[in-house]
Amino acid sequence: EHHENRTDLQEMGDCPVLAQLPLV
């Protein structure tokens, strides 16, 4: 989880994040 990156990608990239998976 990286809240700032997720927010920037959605708002500045104008693209929804549909889901997130951990790197296992």
mmCIF file of all heavy atoms, coordinates in Angstrom:
data_MODEL
# 
_entry.id   MODEL 
# 
loop_
_atom_site.group_PDB 
_atom_site.id 
_atom_site.type_symbol 
_atom_site.label_atom_id 
_atom_site.label_alt_id 
_atom_site.label_comp_id 
_atom_site.label_asym_id 
_atom_site.label_entity_id 
_atom_site.label_seq_id 
_atom_site.pdbx_PDB_ins_code 
_atom_site.Cartn_x 
_atom_site.Cartn_y 
_atom_site.Cartn_z 
_atom_site.occupancy 
_atom_site.B_iso_or_equiv 
_atom_site.pdbx_formal_charge 
_atom_site.auth_seq_id 
_atom_site.auth_comp_id 
_atom_site.auth_asym_id 
_atom_site.auth_atom_id 
_atom_site.pdbx_PDB_model_num 
ATOM 1   N N   . GLU A 1 1  ? 0.831   -1.192  0.000   1.00 0.00 ? 1  GLU A N   1 
ATOM 2   C CA  . GLU A 1 1  ? 0.000   0.000   0.000   1.00 0.00 ? 1  GLU A CA  1 
ATOM 3   C C   . GLU A 1 1  ? 0.876   1.255   0.000   1.00 0.00 ? 1  GLU A C   1 
ATOM 4   O O   . GLU A 1 1  ? 1.838   1.356   0.766   1.00 0.00 ? 1  GLU A O   1 
ATOM 5   C CB  . GLU A 1 1  ? -0.915  0.015   1.222   1.00 0.00 ? 1  GLU A CB  1 
ATOM 6   C CG  . GLU A 1 1  ? -2.055  -0.985  1.165   1.00 0.00 ? 1  GLU A CG  1 
ATOM 7   C CD  . GLU A 1 1  ? -3.127  -0.590  0.151   1.00 0.00 ? 1  GLU A CD  1 
ATOM 8   O OE1 . GLU A 1 1  ? -3.154  0.604   -0.251  1.00 0.00 ? 1  GLU A OE1 1 
ATOM 9   O OE2 . GLU A 1 1  ? -3.914  -1.465  -0.241  1.00 0.00 ? 1  GLU A OE2 1 
ATOM 10  N N   . HIS A 1 2  ? 0.551   2.192   -0.870  1.00 0.00 ? 2  HIS A N   1 
ATOM 11  C CA  . HIS A 1 2  ? 1.225   3.485   -0.925  1.00 0.00 ? 2  HIS A CA  1 
ATOM 12  C C   . HIS A 1 2  ? 0.145   4.501   -1.271  1.00 0.00 ? 2  HIS A C   1 
ATOM 13  O O   . HIS A 1 2  ? -0.153  4.740   -2.429  1.00 0.00 ? 2  HIS A O   1 
ATOM 14  C CB  . HIS A 1 2  ? 2.338   3.468   -1.971  1.00 0.00 ? 2  HIS A CB  1 
ATOM 15  C CG  . HIS A 1 2  ? 3.279   4.631   -1.889  1.00 0.00 ? 2  HIS A CG  1 
ATOM 16  N ND1 . HIS A 1 2  ? 2.863   5.943   -2.002  1.00 0.00 ? 2  HIS A ND1 1 
ATOM 17  C CD2 . HIS A 1 2  ? 4.629   4.678   -1.691  1.00 0.00 ? 2  HIS A CD2 1 
ATOM 18  C CE1 . HIS A 1 2  ? 3.902   6.742   -1.893  1.00 0.00 ? 2  HIS A CE1 1 
ATOM 19  N NE2 . HIS A 1 2  ? 4.983   6.004   -1.698  1.00 0.00 ? 2  HIS A NE2 1 
ATOM 20  N N   . HIS A 1 3  ? -0.422  5.094   -0.233  1.00 0.00 ? 3  HIS A N   1 
ATOM 21  C CA  . HIS A 1 3  ? -1.614  5.922   -0.405  1.00 0.00 ? 3  HIS A CA  1 
ATOM 22  C C   . HIS A 1 3  ? -1.370  7.083   -1.366  1.00 0.00 ? 3  HIS A C   1 
ATOM 23  O O   . HIS A 1 3  ? -2.204  7.381   -2.230  1.00 0.00 ? 3  HIS A O   1 
ATOM 24  C CB  . HIS A 1 3  ? -2.091  6.447   0.953   1.00 0.00 ? 3  HIS A CB  1 
ATOM 25  C CG  . HIS A 1 3  ? -3.258  7.386   0.851   1.00 0.00 ? 3  HIS A CG  1 
ATOM 26  N ND1 . HIS A 1 3  ? -4.529  6.960   0.525   1.00 0.00 ? 3  HIS A ND1 1 
ATOM 27  C CD2 . HIS A 1 3  ? -3.331  8.744   0.987   1.00 0.00 ? 3  HIS A CD2 1 
ATOM 28  C CE1 . HIS A 1 3  ? -5.355  8.001   0.483   1.00 0.00 ? 3  HIS A CE1 1 
ATOM 29  N NE2 . HIS A 1 3  ? -4.650  9.086   0.766   1.00 0.00 ? 3  HIS A NE2 1 
ATOM 30  N N   . GLU A 1 4  ? -0.215  7.742   -1.226  1.00 0.00 ? 4  GLU A N   1 
ATOM 31  C CA  . GLU A 1 4  ? 0.047   8.898   -2.078  1.00 0.00 ? 4  GLU A CA  1 
ATOM 32  C C   . GLU A 1 4  ? 0.140   8.509   -3.552  1.00 0.00 ? 4  GLU A C   1 
ATOM 33  O O   . GLU A 1 4  ? -0.424  9.193   -4.415  1.00 0.00 ? 4  GLU A O   1 
ATOM 34  C CB  . GLU A 1 4  ? 1.328   9.596   -1.624  1.00 0.00 ? 4  GLU A CB  1 
ATOM 35  C CG  . GLU A 1 4  ? 1.196   10.291  -0.276  1.00 0.00 ? 4  GLU A CG  1 
ATOM 36  C CD  . GLU A 1 4  ? 2.494   10.928  0.177   1.00 0.00 ? 4  GLU A CD  1 
ATOM 37  O OE1 . GLU A 1 4  ? 3.562   10.460  -0.257  1.00 0.00 ? 4  GLU A OE1 1 
ATOM 38  O OE2 . GLU A 1 4  ? 2.428   11.887  0.971   1.00 0.00 ? 4  GLU A OE2 1 
ATOM 39  N N   . ASN A 1 5  ? 0.858   7.426   -3.833  1.00 0.00 ? 5  ASN A N   1 
ATOM 40  C CA  . ASN A 1 5  ? 0.965   6.989   -5.226  1.00 0.00 ? 5  ASN A CA  1 
ATOM 41  C C   . ASN A 1 5  ? -0.390  6.602   -5.798  1.00 0.00 ? 5  ASN A C   1 
ATOM 42  O O   . ASN A 1 5  ? -0.725  6.943   -6.936  1.00 0.00 ? 5  ASN A O   1 
ATOM 43  C CB  . ASN A 1 5  ? 1.933   5.807   -5.343  1.00 0.00 ? 5  ASN A CB  1 
ATOM 44  C CG  . ASN A 1 5  ? 3.383   6.228   -5.334  1.00 0.00 ? 5  ASN A CG  1 
ATOM 45  O OD1 . ASN A 1 5  ? 3.698   7.415   -5.424  1.00 0.00 ? 5  ASN A OD1 1 
ATOM 46  N ND2 . ASN A 1 5  ? 4.278   5.267   -5.226  1.00 0.00 ? 5  ASN A ND2 1 
ATOM 47  N N   . ARG A 1 6  ? -1.169  5.869   -5.015  1.00 0.00 ? 6  ARG A N   1 
ATOM 48  C CA  . ARG A 1 6  ? -2.492  5.455   -5.489  1.00 0.00 ? 6  ARG A CA  1 
ATOM 49  C C   . ARG A 1 6  ? -3.355  6.672   -5.796  1.00 0.00 ? 6  ARG A C   1 
ATOM 50  O O   . ARG A 1 6  ? -4.024  6.738   -6.837  1.00 0.00 ? 6  ARG A O   1 
ATOM 51  C CB  . ARG A 1 6  ? -3.161  4.562   -4.446  1.00 0.00 ? 6  ARG A CB  1 
ATOM 52  C CG  . ARG A 1 6  ? -4.513  4.006   -4.897  1.00 0.00 ? 6  ARG A CG  1 
ATOM 53  C CD  . ARG A 1 6  ? -5.112  3.102   -3.833  1.00 0.00 ? 6  ARG A CD  1 
ATOM 54  N NE  . ARG A 1 6  ? -6.408  2.591   -4.246  1.00 0.00 ? 6  ARG A NE  1 
ATOM 55  C CZ  . ARG A 1 6  ? -6.722  1.309   -4.338  1.00 0.00 ? 6  ARG A CZ  1 
ATOM 56  N NH1 . ARG A 1 6  ? -5.816  0.384   -4.063  1.00 0.00 ? 6  ARG A NH1 1 
ATOM 57  N NH2 . ARG A 1 6  ? -7.934  0.931   -4.706  1.00 0.00 ? 6  ARG A NH2 1 
ATOM 58  N N   . THR A 1 7  ? -3.328  7.667   -4.893  1.00 0.00 ? 7  THR A N   1 
ATOM 59  C CA  . THR A 1 7  ? -4.117  8.880   -5.107  1.00 0.00 ? 7  THR A CA  1 
ATOM 60  C C   . THR A 1 7  ? -3.641  9.632   -6.335  1.00 0.00 ? 7  THR A C   1 
ATOM 61  O O   . THR A 1 7  ? -4.442  10.068  -7.174  1.00 0.00 ? 7  THR A O   1 
ATOM 62  C CB  . THR A 1 7  ? -4.021  9.792   -3.866  1.00 0.00 ? 7  THR A CB  1 
ATOM 63  O OG1 . THR A 1 7  ? -4.560  9.104   -2.736  1.00 0.00 ? 7  THR A OG1 1 
ATOM 64  C CG2 . THR A 1 7  ? -4.794  11.086  -4.081  1.00 0.00 ? 7  THR A CG2 1 
ATOM 65  N N   . ASP A 1 8  ? -2.323  9.785   -6.476  1.00 0.00 ? 8  ASP A N   1 
ATOM 66  C CA  . ASP A 1 8  ? -1.783  10.519  -7.628  1.00 0.00 ? 8  ASP A CA  1 
ATOM 67  C C   . ASP A 1 8  ? -2.091  9.807   -8.940  1.00 0.00 ? 8  ASP A C   1 
ATOM 68  O O   . ASP A 1 8  ? -2.412  10.451  -9.948  1.00 0.00 ? 8  ASP A O   1 
ATOM 69  C CB  . ASP A 1 8  ? -0.270  10.691  -7.478  1.00 0.00 ? 8  ASP A CB  1 
ATOM 70  C CG  . ASP A 1 8  ? 0.092   11.682  -6.385  1.00 0.00 ? 8  ASP A CG  1 
ATOM 71  O OD1 . ASP A 1 8  ? -0.797  12.446  -5.948  1.00 0.00 ? 8  ASP A OD1 1 
ATOM 72  O OD2 . ASP A 1 8  ? 1.265   11.693  -5.955  1.00 0.00 ? 8  ASP A OD2 1 
ATOM 73  N N   . LEU A 1 9  ? -1.969  8.486   -8.952  1.00 0.00 ? 9  LEU A N   1 
ATOM 74  C CA  . LEU A 1 9  ? -2.247  7.739   -10.178 1.00 0.00 ? 9  LEU A CA  1 
ATOM 75  C C   . LEU A 1 9  ? -3.702  7.916   -10.611 1.00 0.00 ? 9  LEU A C   1 
ATOM 76  O O   . LEU A 1 9  ? -3.990  8.074   -11.801 1.00 0.00 ? 9  LEU A O   1 
ATOM 77  C CB  . LEU A 1 9  ? -1.925  6.262   -9.986  1.00 0.00 ? 9  LEU A CB  1 
ATOM 78  C CG  . LEU A 1 9  ? -0.444  5.913   -9.890  1.00 0.00 ? 9  LEU A CG  1 
ATOM 79  C CD1 . LEU A 1 9  ? -0.265  4.455   -9.477  1.00 0.00 ? 9  LEU A CD1 1 
ATOM 80  C CD2 . LEU A 1 9  ? 0.270   6.187   -11.213 1.00 0.00 ? 9  LEU A CD2 1 
ATOM 81  N N   . GLN A 1 10 ? -4.608  7.912   -9.649  1.00 0.00 ? 10 GLN A N   1 
ATOM 82  C CA  . GLN A 1 10 ? -6.023  8.066   -9.988  1.00 0.00 ? 10 GLN A CA  1 
ATOM 83  C C   . GLN A 1 10 ? -6.367  9.494   -10.372 1.00 0.00 ? 10 GLN A C   1 
ATOM 84  O O   . GLN A 1 10 ? -7.063  9.724   -11.367 1.00 0.00 ? 10 GLN A O   1 
ATOM 85  C CB  . GLN A 1 10 ? -6.895  7.621   -8.813  1.00 0.00 ? 10 GLN A CB  1 
ATOM 86  C CG  . GLN A 1 10 ? -6.828  6.135   -8.537  1.00 0.00 ? 10 GLN A CG  1 
ATOM 87  C CD  . GLN A 1 10 ? -7.906  5.677   -7.576  1.00 0.00 ? 10 GLN A CD  1 
ATOM 88  O OE1 . GLN A 1 10 ? -8.894  5.070   -7.989  1.00 0.00 ? 10 GLN A OE1 1 
ATOM 89  N NE2 . GLN A 1 10 ? -7.711  5.957   -6.297  1.00 0.00 ? 10 GLN A NE2 1 
ATOM 90  N N   . GLU A 1 11 ? -5.883  10.462  -9.577  1.00 0.00 ? 11 GLU A N   1 
ATOM 91  C CA  . GLU A 1 11 ? -6.287  11.846  -9.806  1.00 0.00 ? 11 GLU A CA  1 
ATOM 92  C C   . GLU A 1 11 ? -5.483  12.505  -10.928 1.00 0.00 ? 11 GLU A C   1 
ATOM 93  O O   . GLU A 1 11 ? -6.056  13.112  -11.833 1.00 0.00 ? 11 GLU A O   1 
ATOM 94  C CB  . GLU A 1 11 ? -6.143  12.642  -8.502  1.00 0.00 ? 11 GLU A CB  1 
ATOM 95  C CG  . GLU A 1 11 ? -7.098  12.157  -7.412  1.00 0.00 ? 11 GLU A CG  1 
ATOM 96  C CD  . GLU A 1 11 ? -6.993  12.974  -6.137  1.00 0.00 ? 11 GLU A CD  1 
ATOM 97  O OE1 . GLU A 1 11 ? -6.123  13.888  -6.062  1.00 0.00 ? 11 GLU A OE1 1 
ATOM 98  O OE2 . GLU A 1 11 ? -7.772  12.703  -5.201  1.00 0.00 ? 11 GLU A OE2 1 
ATOM 99  N N   . MET A 1 12 ? -4.160  12.373  -10.893 1.00 0.00 ? 12 MET A N   1 
ATOM 100 C CA  . MET A 1 12 ? -3.330  13.015  -11.912 1.00 0.00 ? 12 MET A CA  1 
ATOM 101 C C   . MET A 1 12 ? -3.305  12.202  -13.199 1.00 0.00 ? 12 MET A C   1 
ATOM 102 O O   . MET A 1 12 ? -3.178  12.748  -14.296 1.00 0.00 ? 12 MET A O   1 
ATOM 103 C CB  . MET A 1 12 ? -1.919  13.223  -11.375 1.00 0.00 ? 12 MET A CB  1 
ATOM 104 C CG  . MET A 1 12 ? -1.874  14.110  -10.144 1.00 0.00 ? 12 MET A CG  1 
ATOM 105 S SD  . MET A 1 12 ? -0.221  14.217  -9.394  1.00 0.00 ? 12 MET A SD  1 
ATOM 106 C CE  . MET A 1 12 ? 0.628   15.184  -10.644 1.00 0.00 ? 12 MET A CE  1 
ATOM 107 N N   . GLY A 1 13 ? -3.426  10.882  -13.066 1.00 0.00 ? 13 GLY A N   1 
ATOM 108 C CA  . GLY A 1 13 ? -3.483  10.024  -14.250 1.00 0.00 ? 13 GLY A CA  1 
ATOM 109 C C   . GLY A 1 13 ? -4.870  9.885   -14.812 1.00 0.00 ? 13 GLY A C   1 
ATOM 110 O O   . GLY A 1 13 ? -5.048  9.324   -15.900 1.00 0.00 ? 13 GLY A O   1 
ATOM 111 N N   . ASP A 1 14 ? -5.867  10.355  -14.063 1.00 0.00 ? 14 ASP A N   1 
ATOM 112 C CA  . ASP A 1 14 ? -7.265  10.281  -14.492 1.00 0.00 ? 14 ASP A CA  1 
ATOM 113 C C   . ASP A 1 14 ? -7.636  8.863   -14.913 1.00 0.00 ? 14 ASP A C   1 
ATOM 114 O O   . ASP A 1 14 ? -8.195  8.623   -15.985 1.00 0.00 ? 14 ASP A O   1 
ATOM 115 C CB  . ASP A 1 14 ? -7.522  11.262  -15.641 1.00 0.00 ? 14 ASP A CB  1 
ATOM 116 C CG  . ASP A 1 14 ? -9.007  11.430  -15.934 1.00 0.00 ? 14 ASP A CG  1 
ATOM 117 O OD1 . ASP A 1 14 ? -9.823  11.186  -15.014 1.00 0.00 ? 14 ASP A OD1 1 
ATOM 118 O OD2 . ASP A 1 14 ? -9.357  11.789  -17.072 1.00 0.00 ? 14 ASP A OD2 1 
ATOM 119 N N   . CYS A 1 15 ? -7.303  7.919   -14.026 1.00 0.00 ? 15 CYS A N   1 
ATOM 120 C CA  . CYS A 1 15 ? -7.552  6.510   -14.322 1.00 0.00 ? 15 CYS A CA  1 
ATOM 121 C C   . CYS A 1 15 ? -7.883  5.790   -13.015 1.00 0.00 ? 15 CYS A C   1 
ATOM 122 O O   . CYS A 1 15 ? -7.110  5.882   -12.056 1.00 0.00 ? 15 CYS A O   1 
ATOM 123 C CB  . CYS A 1 15 ? -6.323  5.886   -14.981 1.00 0.00 ? 15 CYS A CB  1 
ATOM 124 S SG  . CYS A 1 15 ? -6.528  4.149   -15.439 1.00 0.00 ? 15 CYS A SG  1 
ATOM 125 N N   . PRO A 1 16 ? -8.984  5.087   -12.934 1.00 0.00 ? 16 PRO A N   1 
ATOM 126 C CA  . PRO A 1 16 ? -9.340  4.415   -11.686 1.00 0.00 ? 16 PRO A CA  1 
ATOM 127 C C   . PRO A 1 16 ? -8.454  3.222   -11.372 1.00 0.00 ? 16 PRO A C   1 
ATOM 128 O O   . PRO A 1 16 ? -8.036  2.489   -12.275 1.00 0.00 ? 16 PRO A O   1 
ATOM 129 C CB  . PRO A 1 16 ? -10.781 3.961   -11.925 1.00 0.00 ? 16 PRO A CB  1 
ATOM 130 C CG  . PRO A 1 16 ? -10.883 3.796   -13.410 1.00 0.00 ? 16 PRO A CG  1 
ATOM 131 C CD  . PRO A 1 16 ? -10.002 4.861   -13.990 1.00 0.00 ? 16 PRO A CD  1 
ATOM 132 N N   . VAL A 1 17 ? -8.146  3.042   -10.095 1.00 0.00 ? 17 VAL A N   1 
ATOM 133 C CA  . VAL A 1 17 ? -7.490  1.828   -9.622  1.00 0.00 ? 17 VAL A CA  1 
ATOM 134 C C   . VAL A 1 17 ? -8.594  0.838   -9.273  1.00 0.00 ? 17 VAL A C   1 
ATOM 135 O O   . VAL A 1 17 ? -9.382  1.070   -8.356  1.00 0.00 ? 17 VAL A O   1 
ATOM 136 C CB  . VAL A 1 17 ? -6.587  2.099   -8.410  1.00 0.00 ? 17 VAL A CB  1 
ATOM 137 C CG1 . VAL A 1 17 ? -6.062  0.785   -7.834  1.00 0.00 ? 17 VAL A CG1 1 
ATOM 138 C CG2 . VAL A 1 17 ? -5.413  2.995   -8.809  1.00 0.00 ? 17 VAL A CG2 1 
ATOM 139 N N   . LEU A 1 18 ? -8.670  -0.247  -9.994  1.00 0.00 ? 18 LEU A N   1 
ATOM 140 C CA  . LEU A 1 18 ? -9.741  -1.229  -9.827  1.00 0.00 ? 18 LEU A CA  1 
ATOM 141 C C   . LEU A 1 18 ? -9.486  -2.162  -8.651  1.00 0.00 ? 18 LEU A C   1 
ATOM 142 O O   . LEU A 1 18 ? -10.423 -2.632  -8.013  1.00 0.00 ? 18 LEU A O   1 
ATOM 143 C CB  . LEU A 1 18 ? -9.901  -2.054  -11.104 1.00 0.00 ? 18 LEU A CB  1 
ATOM 144 C CG  . LEU A 1 18 ? -10.111 -1.247  -12.400 1.00 0.00 ? 18 LEU A CG  1 
ATOM 145 C CD1 . LEU A 1 18 ? -10.076 -2.179  -13.601 1.00 0.00 ? 18 LEU A CD1 1 
ATOM 146 C CD2 . LEU A 1 18 ? -11.419 -0.477  -12.338 1.00 0.00 ? 18 LEU A CD2 1 
ATOM 147 N N   . ALA A 1 19 ? -8.198  -2.452  -8.407  1.00 0.00 ? 19 ALA A N   1 
ATOM 148 C CA  . ALA A 1 19 ? -7.832  -3.377  -7.331  1.00 0.00 ? 19 ALA A CA  1 
ATOM 149 C C   . ALA A 1 19 ? -6.326  -3.263  -7.090  1.00 0.00 ? 19 ALA A C   1 
ATOM 150 O O   . ALA A 1 19 ? -5.600  -2.673  -7.891  1.00 0.00 ? 19 ALA A O   1 
ATOM 151 C CB  . ALA A 1 19 ? -8.201  -4.814  -7.691  1.00 0.00 ? 19 ALA A CB  1 
ATOM 152 N N   . GLN A 1 20 ? -5.884  -3.848  -5.987  1.00 0.00 ? 20 GLN A N   1 
ATOM 153 C CA  . GLN A 1 20 ? -4.459  -3.898  -5.686  1.00 0.00 ? 20 GLN A CA  1 
ATOM 154 C C   . GLN A 1 20 ? -4.123  -5.250  -5.077  1.00 0.00 ? 20 GLN A C   1 
ATOM 155 O O   . GLN A 1 20 ? -4.859  -5.774  -4.236  1.00 0.00 ? 20 GLN A O   1 
ATOM 156 C CB  . GLN A 1 20 ? -4.055  -2.783  -4.712  1.00 0.00 ? 20 GLN A CB  1 
ATOM 157 C CG  . GLN A 1 20 ? -2.568  -2.783  -4.389  1.00 0.00 ? 20 GLN A CG  1 
ATOM 158 C CD  . GLN A 1 20 ? -2.098  -1.488  -3.754  1.00 0.00 ? 20 GLN A CD  1 
ATOM 159 O OE1 . GLN A 1 20 ? -2.825  -0.491  -3.738  1.00 0.00 ? 20 GLN A OE1 1 
ATOM 160 N NE2 . GLN A 1 20 ? -0.879  -1.476  -3.241  1.00 0.00 ? 20 GLN A NE2 1 
ATOM 161 N N   . LEU A 1 21 ? -3.003  -5.814  -5.526  1.00 0.00 ? 21 LEU A N   1 
ATOM 162 C CA  . LEU A 1 21 ? -2.518  -7.083  -5.006  1.00 0.00 ? 21 LEU A CA  1 
ATOM 163 C C   . LEU A 1 21 ? -1.149  -6.880  -4.371  1.00 0.00 ? 21 LEU A C   1 
ATOM 164 O O   . LEU A 1 21 ? -0.344  -6.095  -4.879  1.00 0.00 ? 21 LEU A O   1 
ATOM 165 C CB  . LEU A 1 21 ? -2.393  -8.121  -6.127  1.00 0.00 ? 21 LEU A CB  1 
ATOM 166 C CG  . LEU A 1 21 ? -3.684  -8.572  -6.804  1.00 0.00 ? 21 LEU A CG  1 
ATOM 167 C CD1 . LEU A 1 21 ? -3.369  -9.490  -7.983  1.00 0.00 ? 21 LEU A CD1 1 
ATOM 168 C CD2 . LEU A 1 21 ? -4.607  -9.264  -5.818  1.00 0.00 ? 21 LEU A CD2 1 
ATOM 169 N N   . PRO A 1 22 ? -0.860  -7.587  -3.288  1.00 0.00 ? 22 PRO A N   1 
ATOM 170 C CA  . PRO A 1 22 ? 0.487   -7.509  -2.714  1.00 0.00 ? 22 PRO A CA  1 
ATOM 171 C C   . PRO A 1 22 ? 1.487   -8.255  -3.583  1.00 0.00 ? 22 PRO A C   1 
ATOM 172 O O   . PRO A 1 22 ? 1.123   -9.161  -4.344  1.00 0.00 ? 22 PRO A O   1 
ATOM 173 C CB  . PRO A 1 22 ? 0.320   -8.186  -1.359  1.00 0.00 ? 22 PRO A CB  1 
ATOM 174 C CG  . PRO A 1 22 ? -0.790  -9.169  -1.575  1.00 0.00 ? 22 PRO A CG  1 
ATOM 175 C CD  . PRO A 1 22 ? -1.733  -8.502  -2.535  1.00 0.00 ? 22 PRO A CD  1 
ATOM 176 N N   . LEU A 1 23 ? 2.733   -7.860  -3.478  1.00 0.00 ? 23 LEU A N   1 
ATOM 177 C CA  . LEU A 1 23 ? 3.811   -8.603  -4.140  1.00 0.00 ? 23 LEU A CA  1 
ATOM 178 C C   . LEU A 1 23 ? 4.250   -9.690  -3.174  1.00 0.00 ? 23 LEU A C   1 
ATOM 179 O O   . LEU A 1 23 ? 4.788   -9.406  -2.109  1.00 0.00 ? 23 LEU A O   1 
ATOM 180 C CB  . LEU A 1 23 ? 4.977   -7.666  -4.464  1.00 0.00 ? 23 LEU A CB  1 
ATOM 181 C CG  . LEU A 1 23 ? 6.106   -8.256  -5.307  1.00 0.00 ? 23 LEU A CG  1 
ATOM 182 C CD1 . LEU A 1 23 ? 5.598   -8.645  -6.682  1.00 0.00 ? 23 LEU A CD1 1 
ATOM 183 C CD2 . LEU A 1 23 ? 7.250   -7.245  -5.433  1.00 0.00 ? 23 LEU A CD2 1 
ATOM 184 N N   . VAL A 1 24 ? 4.012   -10.948 -3.514  1.00 0.00 ? 24 VAL A N   1 
ATOM 185 C CA  . VAL A 1 24 ? 4.254   -12.054 -2.585  1.00 0.00 ? 24 VAL A CA  1 
ATOM 186 C C   . VAL A 1 24 ? 5.461   -12.871 -3.029  1.00 0.00 ? 24 VAL A C   1 
ATOM 187 O O   . VAL A 1 24 ? 5.783   -12.948 -4.225  1.00 0.00 ? 24 VAL A O   1 
ATOM 188 C CB  . VAL A 1 24 ? 3.010   -12.964 -2.468  1.00 0.00 ? 24 VAL A CB  1 
ATOM 189 C CG1 . VAL A 1 24 ? 1.838   -12.185 -1.869  1.00 0.00 ? 24 VAL A CG1 1 
ATOM 190 C CG2 . VAL A 1 24 ? 2.618   -13.543 -3.816  1.00 0.00 ? 24 VAL A CG2 1 
# 
